[in-house]
Amino acid sequence: MEKTLDTKYTYTEKKDTRSGFGDGFLELGRKNENVVGLCADLIGSLKMGAFQKEFPDRFFQVGISEANMMGLAAGMTIGGKIPFTGTFANFSTGRVYDQIRQSIAYSEKNVKICASHAGLTLGEDGATHQILEDMGMMKMLPNMTVINPCDYNQTKAATLAIADYEGPVYLRFGRPSWPIFTPADQKFEIGKAWKMIEGKDVSLFATGHLVWEAVVAEAMLREEGISVELINIHTIKPLDTEAVLASVAKTGCAVTAEEHQLNGGLGDSIAQTLIRNNPAPQEFVGVDDSFGESGKPVDLLEKYGLNAANIVKAVKKAISRK
């Protein structure tokens, strides 16, 4: 169905966002000798193998010892290294929150926490591994930057960008093959929203895998005469509040779409911004206070309402509340 729609963005290839991280990480290794890697027994899953092979003296396999990995990474920054840690998102946050808070965020250590297999699209591994709270946990930490790119190209660009950024960063990406629809040569600006499509009836703010679903939803709504302003929020924190407020001032209502719990996610951040500055009707697309389950990624997105069809419903409801 997606292919028959007149989408403003198209794709010819699908690739997992974790491969964007892996390819960007290898490129960084060749550019900057201070970049080092640490992994908690998931080199293949994190696509860190090429870096390890080319730079074995700058790669540290810590085993299933995630808390120790965070402590090691924090210490390495004192000597001027730029450590990139790699494991699944649930192990990168929930298992090691104390170490991140105390050893990295509090002291503003220049650690890049790179987290794969986030959200429902982890798929068959099920609820224990499908963390849906991670962005909320990390954005609450002072000094922490939180980034959630939408496809292979944007993830690679984000990986390159965070190496030049001084301070702790949480970079979130995923497992499934996903449409590549953003430019390969894009410039990634941390904290800067990307207005992908201009519109006047509703502001649609999407992040991560849900950006593609929002692209599809925009085409569906355009066929019905509804003009959607689509904004890609790849940086959850710091949020580009200027872009948010400017868009909603024009359209008069907002919809947020994310592969995350409604509590603590992008929608919460947008809502706080609006209520403090320019209150407007807002609808939310995300996981509504539940855990996930085992299944195929696309099937799970449909079951939990994280797809284009539900974005369309949310847009119509938001517009009706103006």
Protein backbone atom coordinates (compact mmCIF):
# COMPACT_ATOMS: atom_id res chain seq x y z
CA MET A 1 0.00 0.00 0.00
CA GLU A 2 2.84 2.41 0.86
CA LYS A 3 4.30 2.19 -2.65
CA THR A 4 1.06 3.31 -4.34
CA LEU A 5 0.75 6.46 -2.25
CA ASP A 6 2.16 9.74 -3.49
CA THR A 7 4.59 10.15 -0.60
CA LYS A 8 6.82 13.24 -0.58
CA TYR A 9 9.73 10.98 0.38
CA THR A 10 10.45 7.62 -1.23
CA TYR A 11 12.83 4.72 -0.77
CA THR A 12 14.49 2.07 -2.91
CA GLU A 13 16.19 0.17 -0.11
CA LYS A 14 15.59 -0.91 3.45
CA LYS A 15 18.31 -1.29 6.04
CA ASP A 16 18.47 -1.48 9.82
CA THR A 17 19.37 1.70 11.69
CA ARG A 18 21.94 -0.21 13.78
CA SER A 19 23.95 -0.69 10.57
CA GLY A 20 23.96 3.08 10.17
CA PHE A 21 25.56 3.26 13.59
CA GLY A 22 28.08 0.55 12.75
CA ASP A 23 29.15 2.16 9.49
CA GLY A 24 29.36 5.59 11.09
CA PHE A 25 31.37 4.21 13.98
CA LEU A 26 33.92 2.65 11.62
CA GLU A 27 34.23 5.94 9.75
CA LEU A 28 34.81 7.74 13.03
CA GLY A 29 37.55 5.29 13.93
CA ARG A 30 39.40 6.21 10.77
CA LYS A 31 38.98 9.94 11.37
CA ASN A 32 39.63 10.28 15.09
CA GLU A 33 42.15 8.17 17.01
CA ASN A 34 40.58 9.17 20.32
CA VAL A 35 37.36 7.30 19.48
CA VAL A 36 37.23 3.97 21.31
CA GLY A 37 34.60 1.26 21.53
CA LEU A 38 33.25 -0.83 24.38
CA CYS A 39 30.71 -3.62 24.00
CA ALA A 40 28.90 -5.92 26.42
CA ASP A 41 29.06 -9.19 24.47
CA LEU A 42 26.90 -8.03 21.55
CA ILE A 43 29.43 -7.01 18.89
CA GLY A 44 27.47 -8.57 16.03
CA SER A 45 24.13 -7.18 17.10
CA LEU A 46 25.57 -3.68 17.52
CA LYS A 47 27.46 -3.86 14.19
CA MET A 48 30.72 -3.01 15.96
CA GLY A 49 32.72 -5.87 14.44
CA ALA A 50 34.30 -3.88 11.61
CA PHE A 51 35.65 -1.30 14.07
CA GLN A 52 37.00 -4.06 16.33
CA LYS A 53 38.74 -5.75 13.41
CA GLU A 54 40.37 -2.57 12.10
CA PHE A 55 41.20 -1.05 15.50
CA PRO A 56 41.65 -3.94 17.97
CA ASP A 57 43.74 -1.82 20.37
CA ARG A 58 40.91 0.68 20.65
CA PHE A 59 38.13 -1.81 21.30
CA PHE A 60 37.20 -3.39 24.62
CA GLN A 61 34.94 -6.42 24.95
CA VAL A 62 33.77 -6.23 28.56
CA GLY A 63 31.43 -9.22 28.46
CA ILE A 64 28.03 -9.29 30.13
CA SER A 65 29.07 -6.56 32.52
CA GLU A 66 27.17 -3.45 31.47
CA ALA A 67 27.58 -1.48 34.70
CA ASN A 68 31.33 -2.03 34.57
CA MET A 69 31.31 -0.89 30.93
CA MET A 70 29.78 2.45 31.90
CA GLY A 71 32.34 2.97 34.64
CA LEU A 72 35.20 2.13 32.29
CA ALA A 73 33.84 4.51 29.66
CA ALA A 74 33.56 7.34 32.18
CA GLY A 75 37.15 6.81 33.27
CA MET A 76 38.45 6.77 29.70
CA THR A 77 37.17 10.29 29.09
CA ILE A 78 39.56 11.63 31.72
CA GLY A 79 42.44 10.68 29.44
CA GLY A 80 40.85 12.40 26.46
CA LYS A 81 39.24 9.36 24.85
CA ILE A 82 35.76 9.46 23.31
CA PRO A 83 34.16 6.16 24.34
CA PHE A 84 31.19 4.68 22.49
CA THR A 85 29.43 1.99 24.53
CA GLY A 86 27.30 -0.59 22.77
CA THR A 87 24.56 -2.91 23.95
CA PHE A 88 20.78 -3.32 23.72
CA ALA A 89 18.72 -0.30 24.77
CA ASN A 90 17.25 -2.00 27.82
CA PHE A 91 20.74 -2.92 29.04
CA SER A 92 22.04 0.56 28.12
CA THR A 93 19.53 2.28 30.39
CA GLY A 94 17.44 0.23 32.82
CA ARG A 95 20.25 -2.08 33.93
CA VAL A 96 22.84 0.66 34.40
CA TYR A 97 20.86 3.77 35.30
CA ASP A 98 22.74 4.35 38.55
CA GLN A 99 26.14 4.20 36.84
CA ILE A 100 24.99 6.56 34.09
CA ARG A 101 23.53 9.02 36.57
CA GLN A 102 26.44 9.05 38.99
CA SER A 103 29.50 8.47 36.78
CA ILE A 104 28.48 10.02 33.46
CA ALA A 105 25.63 12.55 33.63
CA TYR A 106 26.45 14.12 37.01
CA SER A 107 30.09 14.73 36.08
CA GLU A 108 29.32 15.51 32.42
CA LYS A 109 31.63 12.81 31.06
CA ASN A 110 32.01 12.71 27.28
CA VAL A 111 30.51 9.21 26.90
CA LYS A 112 28.37 8.19 23.93
CA ILE A 113 25.80 5.58 25.02
CA CYS A 114 24.79 3.76 21.84
CA ALA A 115 21.68 1.65 22.25
CA SER A 116 20.26 -0.80 19.73
CA HIS A 117 17.13 -2.99 19.63
CA ALA A 118 14.95 -0.25 21.15
CA GLY A 119 11.16 -0.35 21.21
CA LEU A 120 8.58 -2.82 19.91
CA THR A 121 10.45 -3.34 16.64
CA LEU A 122 12.97 -5.49 18.47
CA GLY A 123 10.33 -8.08 17.62
CA GLU A 124 10.52 -11.70 18.62
CA ASP A 125 12.70 -11.24 21.73
CA GLY A 126 9.62 -9.92 23.50
CA ALA A 127 8.67 -7.62 26.35
CA THR A 128 11.72 -8.12 28.57
CA HIS A 129 13.97 -6.68 25.86
CA GLN A 130 11.56 -4.18 24.25
CA ILE A 131 12.32 -1.19 26.41
CA LEU A 132 9.80 1.58 25.85
CA GLU A 133 10.84 3.84 28.73
CA ASP A 134 14.43 4.62 27.78
CA MET A 135 14.04 8.06 26.22
CA GLY A 136 12.10 9.23 29.26
CA MET A 137 14.70 7.86 31.65
CA MET A 138 17.54 9.48 29.78
CA LYS A 139 15.96 12.86 29.05
CA MET A 140 15.30 13.33 32.77
CA LEU A 141 19.03 13.24 33.50
CA PRO A 142 20.63 16.69 33.63
CA ASN A 143 23.43 17.16 31.06
CA MET A 144 22.22 14.23 28.91
CA THR A 145 21.50 14.69 25.20
CA VAL A 146 19.00 12.22 23.70
CA ILE A 147 18.91 11.39 19.99
CA ASN A 148 16.52 9.06 18.14
CA PRO A 149 17.19 9.01 14.36
CA CYS A 150 14.71 7.70 11.79
CA ASP A 151 16.62 5.63 9.21
CA TYR A 152 20.04 4.25 8.23
CA ASN A 153 21.33 7.50 6.75
CA GLN A 154 20.21 9.67 9.64
CA THR A 155 21.64 7.23 12.18
CA LYS A 156 25.01 7.25 10.44
CA ALA A 157 24.97 11.05 10.31
CA ALA A 158 24.03 11.24 14.00
CA THR A 159 26.84 8.85 14.94
CA LEU A 160 29.37 11.09 13.21
CA ALA A 161 27.89 14.23 14.78
CA ILE A 162 27.95 13.10 18.39
CA ALA A 163 31.71 12.47 18.29
CA ASP A 164 32.22 16.22 17.82
CA TYR A 165 29.77 17.09 20.59
CA GLU A 166 31.25 17.53 24.05
CA GLY A 167 29.14 15.82 26.71
CA PRO A 168 27.13 12.68 27.41
CA VAL A 169 24.81 11.45 24.64
CA TYR A 170 22.21 8.69 24.42
CA LEU A 171 21.86 7.50 20.81
CA ARG A 172 18.89 5.19 20.20
CA PHE A 173 18.44 2.95 17.16
CA GLY A 174 16.85 -0.34 16.16
CA ARG A 175 16.94 -3.83 14.76
CA PRO A 176 14.53 -4.13 11.80
CA SER A 177 15.16 -3.33 8.17
CA TRP A 178 13.50 0.04 7.59
CA PRO A 179 13.02 2.36 4.60
CA ILE A 180 15.99 4.62 3.83
CA PHE A 181 14.33 7.89 2.84
CA THR A 182 16.60 10.66 4.08
CA PRO A 183 19.65 11.93 2.13
CA ALA A 184 22.98 10.14 2.45
CA ASP A 185 24.81 13.48 2.51
CA GLN A 186 22.62 15.15 5.16
CA LYS A 187 24.08 17.45 7.78
CA PHE A 188 22.98 16.34 11.23
CA GLU A 189 22.45 19.23 13.64
CA ILE A 190 21.98 18.17 17.25
CA GLY A 191 18.97 19.94 18.76
CA LYS A 192 17.64 21.18 15.41
CA ALA A 193 14.29 19.86 14.17
CA TRP A 194 13.91 19.10 10.47
CA LYS A 195 10.77 20.39 8.75
CA MET A 196 10.28 17.70 6.12
CA ILE A 197 6.95 18.88 4.72
CA GLU A 198 5.30 22.31 4.95
CA GLY A 199 1.63 22.38 5.93
CA LYS A 200 -1.10 24.50 7.51
CA ASP A 201 -3.75 22.30 9.16
CA VAL A 202 -1.80 20.29 11.76
CA SER A 203 1.75 19.95 13.09
CA LEU A 204 2.90 16.33 13.08
CA PHE A 205 6.00 15.72 15.17
CA ALA A 206 7.54 12.27 14.70
CA THR A 207 10.71 10.54 15.85
CA GLY A 208 12.60 7.33 15.10
CA HIS A 209 10.90 4.59 13.10
CA LEU A 210 7.60 6.48 13.31
CA VAL A 211 8.90 9.20 10.99
CA TRP A 212 8.37 6.89 8.01
CA GLU A 213 4.86 6.06 9.23
CA ALA A 214 4.26 9.81 9.45
CA VAL A 215 5.45 10.26 5.85
CA VAL A 216 2.88 7.66 4.77
CA ALA A 217 0.18 9.25 6.92
CA GLU A 218 0.86 12.67 5.38
CA ALA A 219 0.24 11.25 1.90
CA MET A 220 -3.00 9.61 3.04
CA LEU A 221 -4.22 12.84 4.60
CA ARG A 222 -3.20 14.94 1.59
CA GLU A 223 -5.46 12.79 -0.57
CA GLU A 224 -8.31 13.90 1.72
CA GLY A 225 -7.37 17.57 1.43
CA ILE A 226 -5.68 17.86 4.84
CA SER A 227 -2.41 19.82 4.86
CA VAL A 228 0.13 18.32 7.29
CA GLU A 229 3.29 20.01 8.48
CA LEU A 230 5.66 17.10 9.17
CA ILE A 231 8.60 17.74 11.46
CA ASN A 232 11.29 15.16 12.19
CA ILE A 233 12.32 15.44 15.84
CA HIS A 234 15.53 13.41 15.88
CA THR A 235 16.80 15.17 19.01
CA ILE A 236 14.49 14.53 21.94
CA LYS A 237 16.68 16.61 24.25
CA PRO A 238 17.48 19.42 23.83
CA LEU A 239 14.13 19.86 22.13
CA ASP A 240 13.89 22.45 19.37
CA THR A 241 11.16 24.41 21.13
CA GLU A 242 11.43 27.29 18.68
CA ALA A 243 10.49 25.01 15.78
CA VAL A 244 7.67 23.42 17.77
CA LEU A 245 6.10 26.72 18.78
CA ALA A 246 6.46 28.28 15.34
CA SER A 247 4.71 25.35 13.68
CA VAL A 248 1.83 25.09 16.14
CA ALA A 249 1.30 28.87 16.08
CA LYS A 250 0.57 28.41 12.38
CA THR A 251 -1.47 25.18 12.41
CA GLY A 252 -3.26 25.45 15.75
CA CYS A 253 -2.91 21.80 16.80
CA ALA A 254 -0.33 19.04 17.20
CA VAL A 255 0.15 15.28 16.94
CA THR A 256 3.19 13.37 18.21
CA ALA A 257 4.25 9.91 17.04
CA GLU A 258 6.89 7.75 18.71
CA GLU A 259 7.88 4.15 19.42
CA HIS A 260 7.94 4.74 23.16
CA GLN A 261 5.64 4.97 26.15
CA LEU A 262 3.34 7.98 26.05
CA ASN A 263 4.53 8.70 29.59
CA GLY A 264 7.93 10.38 29.41
CA GLY A 265 8.39 10.45 25.66
CA LEU A 266 8.44 13.04 22.90
CA GLY A 267 4.74 13.74 23.34
CA ASP A 268 5.31 14.76 26.94
CA SER A 269 8.07 17.15 25.94
CA ILE A 270 5.94 18.75 23.21
CA ALA A 271 2.99 19.06 25.61
CA GLN A 272 5.13 20.78 28.25
CA THR A 273 6.40 23.22 25.64
CA LEU A 274 2.90 24.04 24.42
CA ILE A 275 1.27 24.37 27.83
CA ARG A 276 3.95 26.81 28.97
CA ASN A 277 3.86 28.96 25.86
CA ASN A 278 0.91 28.42 23.53
CA PRO A 279 -1.67 25.84 24.67
CA ALA A 280 -3.19 23.95 21.74
CA PRO A 281 -5.04 20.66 21.14
CA GLN A 282 -2.61 17.72 21.00
CA GLU A 283 -3.05 14.03 20.26
CA PHE A 284 -0.52 11.29 21.01
CA VAL A 285 0.55 8.18 19.10
CA GLY A 286 2.67 5.84 21.21
CA VAL A 287 2.48 2.90 23.59
CA ASP A 288 -0.20 3.53 26.19
CA ASP A 289 1.17 2.32 29.53
CA SER A 290 1.81 -1.31 28.61
CA PHE A 291 4.65 -3.71 27.96
CA GLY A 292 5.26 -5.23 24.54
CA GLU A 293 5.24 -8.87 23.46
CA SER A 294 6.90 -11.23 21.05
CA GLY A 295 5.99 -10.82 17.38
CA LYS A 296 7.06 -9.47 14.02
CA PRO A 297 7.98 -5.77 14.13
CA VAL A 298 5.33 -4.50 11.69
CA ASP A 299 2.63 -6.66 13.30
CA LEU A 300 3.48 -5.25 16.71
CA LEU A 301 3.39 -1.67 15.47
CA GLU A 302 -0.07 -2.32 14.07
CA LYS A 303 -1.36 -4.03 17.22
CA TYR A 304 -0.13 -1.23 19.48
CA GLY A 305 -1.36 1.52 17.18
CA LEU A 306 2.02 2.81 16.08
CA ASN A 307 1.35 3.08 12.34
CA ALA A 308 0.18 5.44 9.63
CA ALA A 309 -3.49 4.55 10.05
CA ASN A 310 -3.49 5.58 13.71
CA ILE A 311 -1.54 8.74 12.95
CA VAL A 312 -4.29 9.65 10.46
CA LYS A 313 -6.94 9.13 13.16
CA ALA A 314 -4.98 11.23 15.64
CA VAL A 315 -4.57 14.06 13.13
CA LYS A 316 -8.29 14.17 12.40
CA LYS A 317 -9.10 14.21 16.11
CA ALA A 318 -6.61 17.01 16.80
CA ILE A 319 -8.03 19.12 13.98
CA SER A 320 -11.58 18.55 15.25
CA ARG A 321 -10.58 19.97 18.65
CA LYS A 322 -9.37 23.32 17.28
